[in-house]
């Protein structure tokens, strides 16, 4: 039996008579080696063995819930606790509520079939150390890798070379020699996943069928294969490469992130040596020269990378690491880079202005992948827009250097038109509200369904105001007000001195000074308001998805921007490093 899969006997499920727990065990039996965070109200709960792990490792309070051991963490601290578990080498499965309690009632009312009587929950994602994509959970600015290895013999030697955070290996098809090489070239914290041949580690033909059937890349006017990224098209007939890619697809699909990552289309050939354009620095050379890690404690103190890395943006730092790994060997390119550094150092004021602007820039490269996946927070989307506006401004600073030739001139001339990318977003929604409330509020006329839904809510609220005014007149008291009491909103609060309360009114709560009531007409309006708000919340989600899809339409332009701005940051970093080093 698959170590990740356990069949839960019916007699065991019988202990958990509530449908909620059946839903939990249906997910847990497929992720037996994974810690499941199960959303319940405002908390994420861990049960049974997962709860024991949370209690023993992190001293989370252990209690009993319906014959099950349980620990819980507030939803506001989920990222923190997920990070703690991942850092200890665990995989994390997150199960979220896909509807609210009111949404469940509305669904049951509209659904003629008798469905589940519990709030719908579904697996949102699975987190592992090698596949984290959420910027809030990544520990540093450098890239991490999940690598699928398909062993082949080249000149009687196993052919591969990398240092990943997570490995996908074909079970039963890795030689002892290959495993020894991998163990000697990976960290102790590297996650090893052995996938079953064909079923989990797909062969090339299965991978090609899945790529076609899943329609990750679709073309309206030509064969879908022509819509594949160029690198993927080139690899299509390479049996080993496509099989390894199939293992990644299957694994990422299990983690619920495969479509988000693949449809970005960011594929490049893995070329660790780059003999054609750079000097060869193998792993032993990098160690001996202490390029990235010192020989004392394996840290960065005193390394060449620490000395030279003055980049500011995360994507600039990642590119600079590639520059250091692959030093140029063409003297013309080396001199062109040196000339660019000298030009930037000629005016320190511009260099300093540039640096101050870049310090405000978020990790656009990672955030944009979240926009593509539709999981970006509204506040982060505003940061993305502001980041592109900063890029536009910093490019104007670069033009002031007067260097129209060489590397800098090439960067300036390659800059795409930013006005077309940003103009729509200047008036699409209220940025202040997006930052403060985390919700997109489109400007009037931008999204018709949002405007109609907002108007519907305002109409019901106006009727509630009219009802309050009428009650005040009938009971002859201007002190009557609406008061929210937890989930029971719009309770009619009436001072105790007011008499002649209608018999149809139901008292809901009271204080020494006032009593609070509901009555049929008020209840009806409140229900209409709640349903209108629930519908509006769904429209807000749809508007958010539309905004992200609209922004994603300009992905070629954004890719070009990164190709310009990452090396620009690297050049400014080198200029700063040179100025600090002195003559």
Protein backbone atom coordinates (compact mmCIF):
# COMPACT_ATOMS: atom_id res chain seq x y z
CA UNK A 1 0.00 0.00 0.00
CA UNK A 2 1.16 3.57 -0.73
CA UNK A 3 2.72 4.99 2.42
CA UNK A 4 0.76 8.21 1.84
CA UNK A 5 -2.58 6.38 1.61
CA UNK A 6 -4.46 4.55 4.33
CA UNK A 7 -7.88 2.92 4.07
CA UNK A 8 -9.94 4.01 7.06
CA UNK A 9 -12.16 1.07 8.11
CA UNK A 10 -15.89 1.75 8.30
CA UNK A 11 -15.87 0.64 11.94
CA UNK A 12 -13.33 3.38 12.68
CA UNK A 13 -15.35 5.99 10.80
CA UNK A 14 -18.34 4.85 12.81
CA UNK A 15 -16.78 6.44 15.88
CA UNK A 16 -17.09 9.81 14.18
CA UNK A 17 -20.79 9.90 13.42
CA UNK A 18 -20.90 13.52 12.28
CA UNK A 19 -20.53 14.14 8.51
CA UNK A 20 -17.87 16.76 9.32
CA UNK A 21 -15.49 14.07 10.59
CA UNK A 22 -16.20 11.80 7.65
CA UNK A 23 -15.03 14.68 5.45
CA UNK A 24 -11.87 15.03 7.51
CA UNK A 25 -10.97 11.33 7.29
CA UNK A 26 -11.67 11.20 3.56
CA UNK A 27 -8.89 13.76 3.14
CA UNK A 28 -6.59 12.41 5.84
CA UNK A 29 -6.52 8.87 4.45
CA UNK A 30 -4.99 10.26 1.23
CA UNK A 31 -2.36 12.30 3.11
CA UNK A 32 -1.32 9.97 5.89
CA UNK A 33 2.26 11.30 6.03
CA UNK A 34 1.05 14.92 6.05
CA UNK A 35 -0.08 17.16 8.92
CA UNK A 36 -3.63 18.29 8.08
CA UNK A 37 -4.74 21.76 9.21
CA UNK A 38 -8.56 21.54 9.19
CA UNK A 39 -10.50 24.83 9.18
CA UNK A 40 -13.28 25.04 11.75
CA UNK A 41 -14.70 28.49 12.44
CA UNK A 42 -11.88 30.90 13.27
CA UNK A 43 -9.38 28.12 13.97
CA UNK A 44 -7.38 25.48 12.16
CA UNK A 45 -7.49 22.21 14.07
CA UNK A 46 -5.18 19.17 14.06
CA UNK A 47 -6.51 15.76 15.09
CA UNK A 48 -5.18 12.45 16.42
CA UNK A 49 -1.51 11.82 15.49
CA UNK A 50 -1.20 15.30 13.99
CA UNK A 51 -2.41 16.75 17.28
CA UNK A 52 0.16 14.69 19.18
CA UNK A 53 2.92 16.08 16.95
CA UNK A 54 1.74 19.64 17.57
CA UNK A 55 1.62 19.03 21.31
CA UNK A 56 5.00 17.30 21.61
CA UNK A 57 7.01 19.59 19.31
CA UNK A 58 5.38 22.97 19.91
CA UNK A 59 3.56 22.54 23.24
CA UNK A 60 0.16 23.27 21.70
CA UNK A 61 -2.63 22.56 24.19
CA UNK A 62 -4.00 19.04 23.71
CA UNK A 63 -7.74 18.43 24.26
CA UNK A 64 -10.37 15.86 23.25
CA UNK A 65 -12.95 16.53 20.52
CA UNK A 66 -15.54 13.83 19.75
CA UNK A 67 -13.25 10.96 20.83
CA UNK A 68 -10.28 12.50 18.98
CA UNK A 69 -7.15 14.22 20.25
CA UNK A 70 -7.12 17.82 19.06
CA UNK A 71 -4.96 20.96 19.08
CA UNK A 72 -5.85 24.23 17.38
CA UNK A 73 -4.27 27.47 16.18
CA UNK A 74 -6.03 30.75 15.25
CA UNK A 75 -6.47 31.32 11.52
CA UNK A 76 -4.57 34.61 11.87
CA UNK A 77 -1.41 32.70 12.87
CA UNK A 78 -1.69 29.89 10.30
CA UNK A 79 1.35 31.06 8.30
CA UNK A 80 3.50 31.13 11.43
CA UNK A 81 2.55 27.62 12.53
CA UNK A 82 2.73 26.18 9.03
CA UNK A 83 6.26 27.58 8.79
CA UNK A 84 7.17 25.92 12.08
CA UNK A 85 5.98 22.50 10.90
CA UNK A 86 7.61 22.84 7.46
CA UNK A 87 10.90 23.87 9.09
CA UNK A 88 10.79 20.59 11.03
CA UNK A 89 10.48 18.66 7.75
CA UNK A 90 6.71 18.03 7.77
CA UNK A 91 4.33 18.40 4.84
CA UNK A 92 1.27 20.54 5.56
CA UNK A 93 -2.20 20.05 4.04
CA UNK A 94 -4.60 22.97 4.46
CA UNK A 95 -8.34 22.29 4.37
CA UNK A 96 -10.50 25.42 4.11
CA UNK A 97 -14.20 26.20 4.29
CA UNK A 98 -15.44 26.92 0.78
CA UNK A 99 -18.67 28.56 1.98
CA UNK A 100 -20.03 30.41 4.99
CA UNK A 101 -22.82 29.20 7.27
CA UNK A 102 -25.26 31.53 5.50
CA UNK A 103 -23.98 30.35 2.12
CA UNK A 104 -24.69 26.78 3.22
CA UNK A 105 -28.28 27.70 4.12
CA UNK A 106 -28.77 29.46 0.77
CA UNK A 107 -27.32 26.44 -1.07
CA UNK A 108 -29.60 24.02 0.77
CA UNK A 109 -32.61 26.20 0.04
CA UNK A 110 -31.86 26.42 -3.69
CA UNK A 111 -30.64 22.83 -4.11
CA UNK A 112 -33.53 20.44 -4.77
CA UNK A 113 -31.33 17.44 -4.04
CA UNK A 114 -30.52 16.57 -0.47
CA UNK A 115 -26.82 17.28 -0.22
CA UNK A 116 -24.40 17.43 2.69
CA UNK A 117 -25.74 19.13 5.80
CA UNK A 118 -22.32 20.49 6.76
CA UNK A 119 -20.35 23.49 5.55
CA UNK A 120 -18.38 22.52 2.46
CA UNK A 121 -14.65 22.11 2.98
CA UNK A 122 -11.98 21.24 0.46
CA UNK A 123 -8.24 20.73 0.28
CA UNK A 124 -6.73 24.10 -0.62
CA UNK A 125 -3.06 23.22 -0.91
CA UNK A 126 -0.22 21.07 0.39
CA UNK A 127 2.95 22.81 1.56
CA UNK A 128 6.42 21.28 1.44
CA UNK A 129 9.84 22.84 1.98
CA UNK A 130 10.77 22.53 -1.69
CA UNK A 131 7.53 23.86 -3.19
CA UNK A 132 6.67 26.93 -1.11
CA UNK A 133 5.47 29.81 -3.30
CA UNK A 134 3.81 32.13 -0.77
CA UNK A 135 6.16 35.06 -0.11
CA UNK A 136 5.08 35.21 3.54
CA UNK A 137 6.35 31.66 4.09
CA UNK A 138 9.62 31.78 2.16
CA UNK A 139 12.57 32.22 4.49
CA UNK A 140 14.85 34.28 2.21
CA UNK A 141 15.12 35.92 -1.21
CA UNK A 142 17.03 33.09 -2.88
CA UNK A 143 15.36 30.41 -5.00
CA UNK A 144 14.56 26.92 -3.72
CA UNK A 145 14.21 23.93 -6.02
CA UNK A 146 12.18 20.76 -6.29
CA UNK A 147 13.93 18.42 -8.74
CA UNK A 148 12.73 15.25 -10.44
CA UNK A 149 15.62 12.91 -11.29
CA UNK A 150 15.41 10.27 -14.02
CA UNK A 151 18.67 8.33 -14.07
CA UNK A 152 20.47 7.69 -17.35
CA UNK A 153 23.96 6.52 -18.21
CA UNK A 154 26.25 8.79 -20.21
CA UNK A 155 29.70 7.31 -20.85
CA UNK A 156 28.98 4.78 -18.08
CA UNK A 157 28.46 7.57 -15.53
CA UNK A 158 25.16 8.67 -13.97
CA UNK A 159 24.24 12.07 -15.39
CA UNK A 160 22.78 14.74 -13.14
CA UNK A 161 24.01 17.58 -10.91
CA UNK A 162 22.11 19.88 -8.57
CA UNK A 163 21.56 20.82 -4.92
CA UNK A 164 17.77 20.93 -4.45
CA UNK A 165 15.56 21.34 -1.40
CA UNK A 166 13.30 18.46 -2.48
CA UNK A 167 13.85 15.41 -4.67
CA UNK A 168 11.43 13.29 -6.70
CA UNK A 169 12.95 9.89 -7.49
CA UNK A 170 11.64 6.91 -9.45
CA UNK A 171 11.20 4.14 -6.90
CA UNK A 172 13.25 1.04 -7.67
CA UNK A 173 15.03 2.62 -10.64
CA UNK A 174 17.84 4.52 -8.92
CA UNK A 175 21.22 2.81 -8.70
CA UNK A 176 23.17 2.79 -5.40
CA UNK A 177 25.85 4.87 -7.09
CA UNK A 178 23.33 7.51 -8.15
CA UNK A 179 21.78 7.64 -4.68
CA UNK A 180 25.22 8.04 -3.12
CA UNK A 181 26.00 10.98 -5.43
CA UNK A 182 22.70 12.63 -4.54
CA UNK A 183 23.24 12.15 -0.80
CA UNK A 184 26.72 13.65 -1.04
CA UNK A 185 25.40 16.70 -2.88
CA UNK A 186 22.25 17.53 -0.94
CA UNK A 187 21.58 19.04 2.45
CA UNK A 188 20.53 16.97 5.47
CA UNK A 189 17.17 18.78 5.32
CA UNK A 190 16.47 17.77 1.71
CA UNK A 191 13.11 15.98 1.33
CA UNK A 192 13.31 12.65 -0.54
CA UNK A 193 10.16 11.46 -2.30
CA UNK A 194 10.13 8.02 -3.94
CA UNK A 195 7.40 7.92 -6.59
CA UNK A 196 5.93 4.74 -8.05
CA UNK A 197 6.94 4.20 -11.69
CA UNK A 198 4.28 5.10 -14.26
CA UNK A 199 1.52 5.79 -11.71
CA UNK A 200 3.34 8.64 -9.95
CA UNK A 201 6.56 9.03 -11.92
CA UNK A 202 4.94 9.18 -15.35
CA UNK A 203 6.62 7.89 -18.47
CA UNK A 204 7.05 10.23 -21.43
CA UNK A 205 3.93 9.13 -23.34
CA UNK A 206 1.71 9.57 -20.25
CA UNK A 207 3.18 13.01 -19.65
CA UNK A 208 2.50 14.12 -23.22
CA UNK A 209 -1.10 12.88 -22.99
CA UNK A 210 -1.63 14.73 -19.71
CA UNK A 211 -0.15 17.93 -21.14
CA UNK A 212 -2.54 17.73 -24.09
CA UNK A 213 -5.60 16.78 -22.03
CA UNK A 214 -5.06 19.33 -19.27
CA UNK A 215 -4.80 22.24 -21.75
CA UNK A 216 -2.23 24.21 -19.78
CA UNK A 217 -1.41 26.06 -23.00
CA UNK A 218 -4.27 26.67 -25.42
CA UNK A 219 -4.19 28.26 -28.86
CA UNK A 220 -7.36 29.50 -30.54
CA UNK A 221 -6.10 29.42 -34.13
CA UNK A 222 -3.48 26.65 -34.11
CA UNK A 223 -2.52 23.29 -32.61
CA UNK A 224 -2.18 23.51 -28.83
CA UNK A 225 1.37 22.15 -29.07
CA UNK A 226 2.32 25.33 -30.92
CA UNK A 227 1.14 27.26 -27.86
CA UNK A 228 3.60 25.40 -25.63
CA UNK A 229 6.60 27.44 -24.45
CA UNK A 230 9.52 27.01 -26.84
CA UNK A 231 11.70 25.10 -24.37
CA UNK A 232 8.89 22.63 -23.66
CA UNK A 233 8.35 22.08 -27.39
CA UNK A 234 12.05 21.37 -27.81
CA UNK A 235 11.95 18.84 -24.97
CA UNK A 236 8.81 17.06 -26.19
CA UNK A 237 10.68 14.18 -27.84
CA UNK A 238 13.29 13.83 -25.10
CA UNK A 239 11.99 10.79 -23.25
CA UNK A 240 14.00 11.33 -20.05
CA UNK A 241 13.25 15.04 -19.74
CA UNK A 242 9.52 14.67 -20.40
CA UNK A 243 9.26 11.74 -17.98
CA UNK A 244 10.93 13.80 -15.24
CA UNK A 245 8.60 16.68 -16.04
CA UNK A 246 5.69 14.26 -15.71
CA UNK A 247 6.83 13.39 -12.19
CA UNK A 248 6.82 17.09 -11.33
CA UNK A 249 3.34 17.60 -12.83
CA UNK A 250 1.91 14.66 -10.88
CA UNK A 251 3.55 15.79 -7.64
CA UNK A 252 2.54 19.43 -8.00
CA UNK A 253 -1.00 18.32 -8.90
CA UNK A 254 -1.16 16.41 -5.63
CA UNK A 255 -0.04 19.63 -3.89
CA UNK A 256 -2.86 21.55 -5.69
CA UNK A 257 -0.47 24.05 -7.30
CA UNK A 258 0.44 22.45 -10.63
CA UNK A 259 -1.81 24.57 -12.90
CA UNK A 260 -0.79 27.82 -11.25
CA UNK A 261 2.91 27.10 -11.82
CA UNK A 262 2.83 25.43 -15.23
CA UNK A 263 0.57 27.96 -16.97
CA UNK A 264 3.03 30.74 -16.16
CA UNK A 265 5.10 29.18 -18.94
CA UNK A 266 8.45 30.02 -17.37
CA UNK A 267 10.59 27.17 -18.74
CA UNK A 268 14.34 27.29 -19.31
CA UNK A 269 16.90 24.60 -20.04
CA UNK A 270 18.87 23.52 -17.00
CA UNK A 271 22.44 24.46 -17.98
CA UNK A 272 24.59 24.58 -14.83
CA UNK A 273 27.92 24.89 -16.64
CA UNK A 274 27.17 27.33 -19.50
CA UNK A 275 30.46 26.54 -21.22
CA UNK A 276 29.58 28.70 -24.20
CA UNK A 277 29.37 32.01 -22.31
CA UNK A 278 30.99 31.71 -18.90
CA UNK A 279 33.87 30.28 -16.95
CA UNK A 280 33.25 26.89 -15.38
CA UNK A 281 33.03 26.93 -11.58
CA UNK A 282 32.16 23.47 -10.35
CA UNK A 283 30.92 22.67 -6.87
CA UNK A 284 34.35 21.98 -5.41
CA UNK A 285 35.72 25.25 -6.78
CA UNK A 286 32.84 27.20 -5.24
CA UNK A 287 33.63 25.54 -1.91
CA UNK A 288 37.41 26.08 -2.09
CA UNK A 289 37.08 29.75 -3.03
CA UNK A 290 34.38 30.30 -0.39
CA UNK A 291 32.14 31.95 -2.97
CA UNK A 292 28.82 31.33 -1.19
CA UNK A 293 29.71 29.54 2.05
CA UNK A 294 32.74 29.93 4.29
CA UNK A 295 34.81 27.01 5.49
CA UNK A 296 34.35 27.95 9.14
CA UNK A 297 30.66 27.36 9.78
CA UNK A 298 29.14 27.16 6.30
CA UNK A 299 27.64 30.65 6.64
CA UNK A 300 27.96 33.67 4.33
CA UNK A 301 30.31 35.74 6.51
CA UNK A 302 33.50 36.56 4.62
CA UNK A 303 32.35 35.04 1.32
CA UNK A 304 32.80 36.61 -2.09
CA UNK A 305 29.05 36.80 -2.54
CA UNK A 306 28.60 38.72 0.71
CA UNK A 307 31.36 41.15 -0.31
CA UNK A 308 29.93 41.93 -3.74
CA UNK A 309 26.18 41.57 -3.25
CA UNK A 310 24.80 45.09 -2.85
CA UNK A 311 21.58 44.42 -4.76
CA UNK A 312 18.41 45.77 -3.19
CA UNK A 313 15.53 43.89 -4.81
CA UNK A 314 15.00 40.17 -4.18
CA UNK A 315 14.89 39.44 -7.91
CA UNK A 316 18.13 41.39 -8.36
CA UNK A 317 19.81 39.30 -5.65
CA UNK A 318 18.71 36.09 -7.34
CA UNK A 319 20.14 37.21 -10.68
CA UNK A 320 23.38 38.41 -9.08
CA UNK A 321 23.88 34.96 -7.61
CA UNK A 322 23.70 33.60 -11.15
CA UNK A 323 26.24 36.21 -12.26
CA UNK A 324 28.65 35.07 -9.55
CA UNK A 325 28.06 31.38 -10.38
CA UNK A 326 28.77 32.00 -14.06
CA UNK A 327 31.51 34.65 -14.51
CA UNK A 328 31.73 36.11 -18.01
CA UNK A 329 34.64 34.95 -20.15
CA UNK A 330 34.09 37.27 -23.14
CA UNK A 331 36.39 40.29 -22.66
CA UNK A 332 34.03 42.58 -24.62
CA UNK A 333 31.11 41.74 -22.32
CA UNK A 334 33.33 42.13 -19.25
CA UNK A 335 34.52 45.58 -20.36
CA UNK A 336 30.96 46.62 -21.25
CA UNK A 337 29.84 45.71 -17.73
CA UNK A 338 32.79 47.63 -16.21
CA UNK A 339 31.97 50.69 -18.35
CA UNK A 340 28.37 50.58 -17.09
CA UNK A 341 29.58 50.46 -13.47
CA UNK A 342 31.89 53.45 -14.07
CA UNK A 343 29.03 55.41 -15.65
CA UNK A 344 26.79 54.76 -12.64
CA UNK A 345 29.53 55.81 -10.22
CA UNK A 346 30.09 59.06 -12.13
CA UNK A 347 27.02 60.59 -10.45
CA UNK A 348 26.59 59.30 -6.90
CA UNK A 349 23.41 61.36 -6.34
CA UNK A 350 21.53 59.46 -9.05
CA UNK A 351 22.88 56.18 -7.71
CA UNK A 352 21.66 57.05 -4.21
CA UNK A 353 18.22 58.14 -5.50
CA UNK A 354 17.98 54.89 -7.40
CA UNK A 355 18.83 52.91 -4.26
CA UNK A 356 16.25 54.74 -2.15
CA UNK A 357 13.54 53.94 -4.70
CA UNK A 358 14.45 50.27 -4.95
CA UNK A 359 14.25 49.80 -1.18
CA UNK A 360 10.48 50.36 -1.50
CA UNK A 361 10.09 47.69 -4.17
CA UNK A 362 8.54 44.33 -3.19
CA UNK A 363 9.51 40.97 -4.63
CA UNK A 364 7.61 41.58 -7.85
CA UNK A 365 8.74 38.34 -9.46
CA UNK A 366 7.16 36.20 -6.74
CA UNK A 367 4.12 38.42 -6.24
CA UNK A 368 3.26 38.32 -9.94
CA UNK A 369 3.20 34.53 -9.83
CA UNK A 370 0.64 34.87 -7.02
CA UNK A 371 -1.41 37.24 -9.21
CA UNK A 372 -1.32 34.65 -12.00
CA UNK A 373 -2.51 31.97 -9.56
CA UNK A 374 -5.28 34.25 -8.27
CA UNK A 375 -4.05 33.98 -4.68
CA UNK A 376 -2.48 37.41 -4.28
CA UNK A 377 -3.75 39.57 -1.42
CA UNK A 378 -5.32 42.90 -2.41
CA UNK A 379 -2.68 44.80 -0.45
CA UNK A 380 0.07 42.94 -2.30
CA UNK A 381 -1.55 43.67 -5.66
CA UNK A 382 -1.41 47.37 -4.84
CA UNK A 383 2.28 46.89 -3.99
CA UNK A 384 2.76 45.27 -7.40
CA UNK A 385 1.23 48.28 -9.17
CA UNK A 386 3.28 50.69 -7.09
CA UNK A 387 6.38 48.61 -7.81
CA UNK A 388 5.89 48.98 -11.56
CA UNK A 389 5.38 52.71 -11.11
CA UNK A 390 8.69 52.83 -9.24
CA UNK A 391 10.35 50.94 -12.10
CA UNK A 392 9.10 53.61 -14.49
CA UNK A 393 10.52 56.35 -12.26
CA UNK A 394 13.88 54.66 -11.69
CA UNK A 395 14.27 54.19 -15.44
CA UNK A 396 13.95 57.96 -15.81
CA UNK A 397 16.80 58.28 -13.29
CA UNK A 398 18.88 55.89 -15.35
CA UNK A 399 18.36 58.04 -18.44
CA UNK A 400 19.86 60.98 -16.53
CA UNK A 401 23.24 59.21 -16.45
CA UNK A 402 23.59 60.17 -20.10
CA UNK A 403 24.92 56.73 -20.98
CA UNK A 404 23.11 55.99 -24.20
CA UNK A 405 25.53 53.30 -25.30
CA UNK A 406 26.74 49.99 -23.96
CA UNK A 407 24.91 47.93 -21.36
CA UNK A 408 22.96 50.87 -19.89
CA UNK A 409 21.90 52.09 -23.32
CA UNK A 410 20.66 48.61 -24.18
CA UNK A 411 18.60 48.47 -20.97
CA UNK A 412 17.05 51.88 -21.68
CA UNK A 413 16.19 51.06 -25.29
CA UNK A 414 14.68 47.70 -24.29
CA UNK A 415 12.28 49.27 -21.81
CA UNK A 416 8.66 48.60 -22.89
CA UNK A 417 5.91 51.20 -22.79
CA UNK A 418 4.75 51.46 -19.17
CA UNK A 419 1.79 53.78 -19.81
CA UNK A 420 -0.21 51.06 -21.54
CA UNK A 421 0.49 48.68 -18.65
CA UNK A 422 -0.45 51.06 -15.83
CA UNK A 423 -3.04 53.48 -17.24
CA UNK A 424 -6.09 51.28 -16.63
CA UNK A 425 -5.09 50.57 -13.02
CA UNK A 426 -4.85 54.23 -12.06
CA UNK A 427 -8.66 54.47 -11.97
CA UNK A 428 -9.83 50.84 -11.80
CA UNK A 429 -10.34 50.67 -8.01
CA UNK A 430 -9.85 52.55 -4.76
CA UNK A 431 -6.28 51.81 -3.68
CA UNK A 432 -6.73 53.27 -0.20
CA UNK A 433 -9.67 50.95 0.53
CA UNK A 434 -7.76 47.99 -0.92
CA UNK A 435 -4.86 48.68 1.45
CA UNK A 436 -7.05 49.30 4.50
CA UNK A 437 -9.75 46.64 4.10
CA UNK A 438 -8.10 44.08 1.81
CA UNK A 439 -11.05 44.27 -0.62
CA UNK A 440 -11.21 45.66 -4.14
CA UNK A 441 -13.82 48.40 -4.49
CA UNK A 442 -14.03 49.18 -8.22
CA UNK A 443 -14.73 52.73 -9.28
CA UNK A 444 -18.31 53.26 -10.46
CA UNK A 445 -18.89 51.91 -13.97
CA UNK A 446 -15.91 49.55 -13.99
CA UNK A 447 -17.76 46.39 -12.87
CA UNK A 448 -21.53 46.41 -13.48
CA UNK A 449 -22.40 43.43 -11.26
CA UNK A 450 -20.47 44.97 -8.37
CA UNK A 451 -22.36 48.26 -8.80
CA UNK A 452 -25.73 46.46 -8.93
CA UNK A 453 -24.93 44.40 -5.83
CA UNK A 454 -23.80 47.48 -3.92
CA UNK A 455 -27.02 49.27 -4.89
CA UNK A 456 -29.09 46.30 -3.67
CA UNK A 457 -27.42 46.43 -0.25
CA UNK A 458 -27.90 50.20 -0.03
CA UNK A 459 -31.61 49.82 -0.85
CA UNK A 460 -32.12 47.29 1.97
CA UNK A 461 -30.15 49.47 4.40
CA UNK A 462 -32.36 52.41 3.41
CA UNK A 463 -35.46 50.33 4.22
CA UNK A 464 -33.96 49.50 7.62
CA UNK A 465 -33.45 53.22 8.25
CA UNK A 466 -37.06 53.92 7.24
CA UNK A 467 -38.26 51.16 9.58
CA UNK A 468 -36.29 52.68 12.47
CA UNK A 469 -37.81 56.12 11.84
CA UNK A 470 -41.31 54.62 11.75
CA UNK A 471 -40.79 52.74 15.04
CA UNK A 472 -39.50 55.90 16.68
CA UNK A 473 -42.66 57.74 15.65
CA UNK A 474 -44.98 54.93 16.73
CA UNK A 475 -43.35 54.54 20.17
CA UNK A 476 -42.65 58.26 20.49
CA UNK A 477 -38.95 57.87 21.34
CA UNK A 478 -35.94 59.19 19.40
CA UNK A 479 -33.64 57.16 21.68
CA UNK A 480 -34.50 53.90 19.91
CA UNK A 481 -31.50 52.68 17.92
CA UNK A 482 -30.11 49.61 16.17
CA UNK A 483 -27.52 47.64 18.10
CA UNK A 484 -25.41 44.70 16.89
CA UNK A 485 -24.93 41.91 19.40
CA UNK A 486 -22.37 39.49 17.98
CA UNK A 487 -23.86 37.71 14.97
CA UNK A 488 -27.32 39.08 15.78
CA UNK A 489 -27.20 42.36 13.91
CA UNK A 490 -29.71 45.22 13.87
CA UNK A 491 -31.36 44.40 17.17
CA UNK A 492 -33.81 47.18 17.98
CA UNK A 493 -32.65 48.71 21.26
CA UNK A 494 -35.50 50.36 23.18
CA UNK A 495 -35.06 52.26 26.49
CA UNK A 496 -36.80 50.50 29.41
CA UNK A 497 -38.95 53.56 30.05
CA UNK A 498 -40.71 53.10 26.69
CA UNK A 499 -44.05 51.34 27.11
CA UNK A 500 -46.60 49.69 24.83
CA UNK A 501 -44.15 47.29 23.18
CA UNK A 502 -46.08 45.26 20.54
CA UNK A 503 -46.79 41.66 21.54
CA UNK A 504 -45.35 40.39 18.24
CA UNK A 505 -41.89 41.60 19.29
CA UNK A 506 -39.41 39.04 20.69
CA UNK A 507 -36.98 40.20 23.34
CA UNK A 508 -33.45 39.05 22.40
CA UNK A 509 -31.29 40.63 25.13
CA UNK A 510 -31.38 43.38 27.74
CA UNK A 511 -29.37 45.75 29.94
CA UNK A 512 -30.44 47.91 32.88
CA UNK A 513 -31.12 50.80 30.54
CA UNK A 514 -32.61 49.08 27.48
CA UNK A 515 -34.15 45.98 25.97
CA UNK A 516 -33.42 44.65 22.49
CA UNK A 517 -36.02 43.16 20.16
CA UNK A 518 -36.66 41.42 16.88
CA UNK A 519 -40.01 41.26 15.08
CA UNK A 520 -41.07 39.61 11.80
CA UNK A 521 -40.69 42.63 9.52
CA UNK A 522 -37.25 43.43 10.95
CA UNK A 523 -36.15 39.81 10.73
CA UNK A 524 -37.20 39.70 7.08
CA UNK A 525 -35.15 42.77 6.18
CA UNK A 526 -32.13 41.48 8.09
CA UNK A 527 -32.31 38.18 6.25
CA UNK A 528 -32.51 39.96 2.90
CA UNK A 529 -29.52 42.10 3.89
CA UNK A 530 -27.44 39.10 4.95
CA UNK A 531 -28.21 37.24 1.73
CA UNK A 532 -27.42 40.34 -0.33
CA UNK A 533 -24.11 40.69 1.52
CA UNK A 534 -23.31 37.00 0.98
CA UNK A 535 -24.01 37.40 -2.74
CA UNK A 536 -21.91 40.56 -2.76
CA UNK A 537 -19.00 38.71 -1.15
CA UNK A 538 -19.07 36.19 -4.00
CA UNK A 539 -19.12 39.02 -6.53
CA UNK A 540 -16.12 40.61 -4.79
CA UNK A 541 -14.22 37.34 -5.27
CA UNK A 542 -15.22 37.26 -8.94
CA UNK A 543 -14.13 40.87 -9.42
CA UNK A 544 -10.79 40.05 -7.80
CA UNK A 545 -10.31 37.13 -10.20
CA UNK A 546 -11.18 39.38 -13.15
CA UNK A 547 -8.69 42.02 -12.06
CA UNK A 548 -5.93 39.44 -11.76
CA UNK A 549 -6.78 37.88 -15.13
CA UNK A 550 -6.80 41.34 -16.73
CA UNK A 551 -3.40 42.12 -15.25
CA UNK A 552 -2.06 38.73 -16.34
CA UNK A 553 -2.83 39.54 -19.99
CA UNK A 554 0.35 41.66 -20.08
CA UNK A 555 2.68 38.84 -18.99
CA UNK A 556 5.09 39.23 -21.98
CA UNK A 557 5.62 42.89 -21.09
CA UNK A 558 6.24 42.04 -17.44
CA UNK A 559 8.75 39.35 -18.38
CA UNK A 560 10.64 41.91 -20.43
CA UNK A 561 10.61 44.29 -17.47
CA UNK A 562 12.27 41.69 -15.24
CA UNK A 563 14.92 41.00 -17.86
CA UNK A 564 15.75 44.70 -17.72
CA UNK A 565 15.37 45.55 -14.05
CA UNK A 566 17.11 42.58 -12.46
CA UNK A 567 20.42 43.25 -14.32
CA UNK A 568 19.95 46.97 -13.68
CA UNK A 569 19.85 46.28 -9.94
CA UNK A 570 22.93 44.05 -10.30
CA UNK A 571 24.85 46.85 -12.05
CA UNK A 572 23.92 49.38 -9.37
CA UNK A 573 24.95 46.83 -6.74
CA UNK A 574 28.36 46.38 -8.38
CA UNK A 575 28.75 50.16 -8.60
CA UNK A 576 28.02 50.47 -4.91
CA UNK A 577 30.41 47.63 -4.03
CA UNK A 578 33.17 49.28 -6.09
CA UNK A 579 32.62 52.71 -4.53
CA UNK A 580 32.87 51.22 -1.04
CA UNK A 581 35.99 49.26 -1.92
CA UNK A 582 37.81 52.48 -2.82
CA UNK A 583 40.45 53.08 -5.50
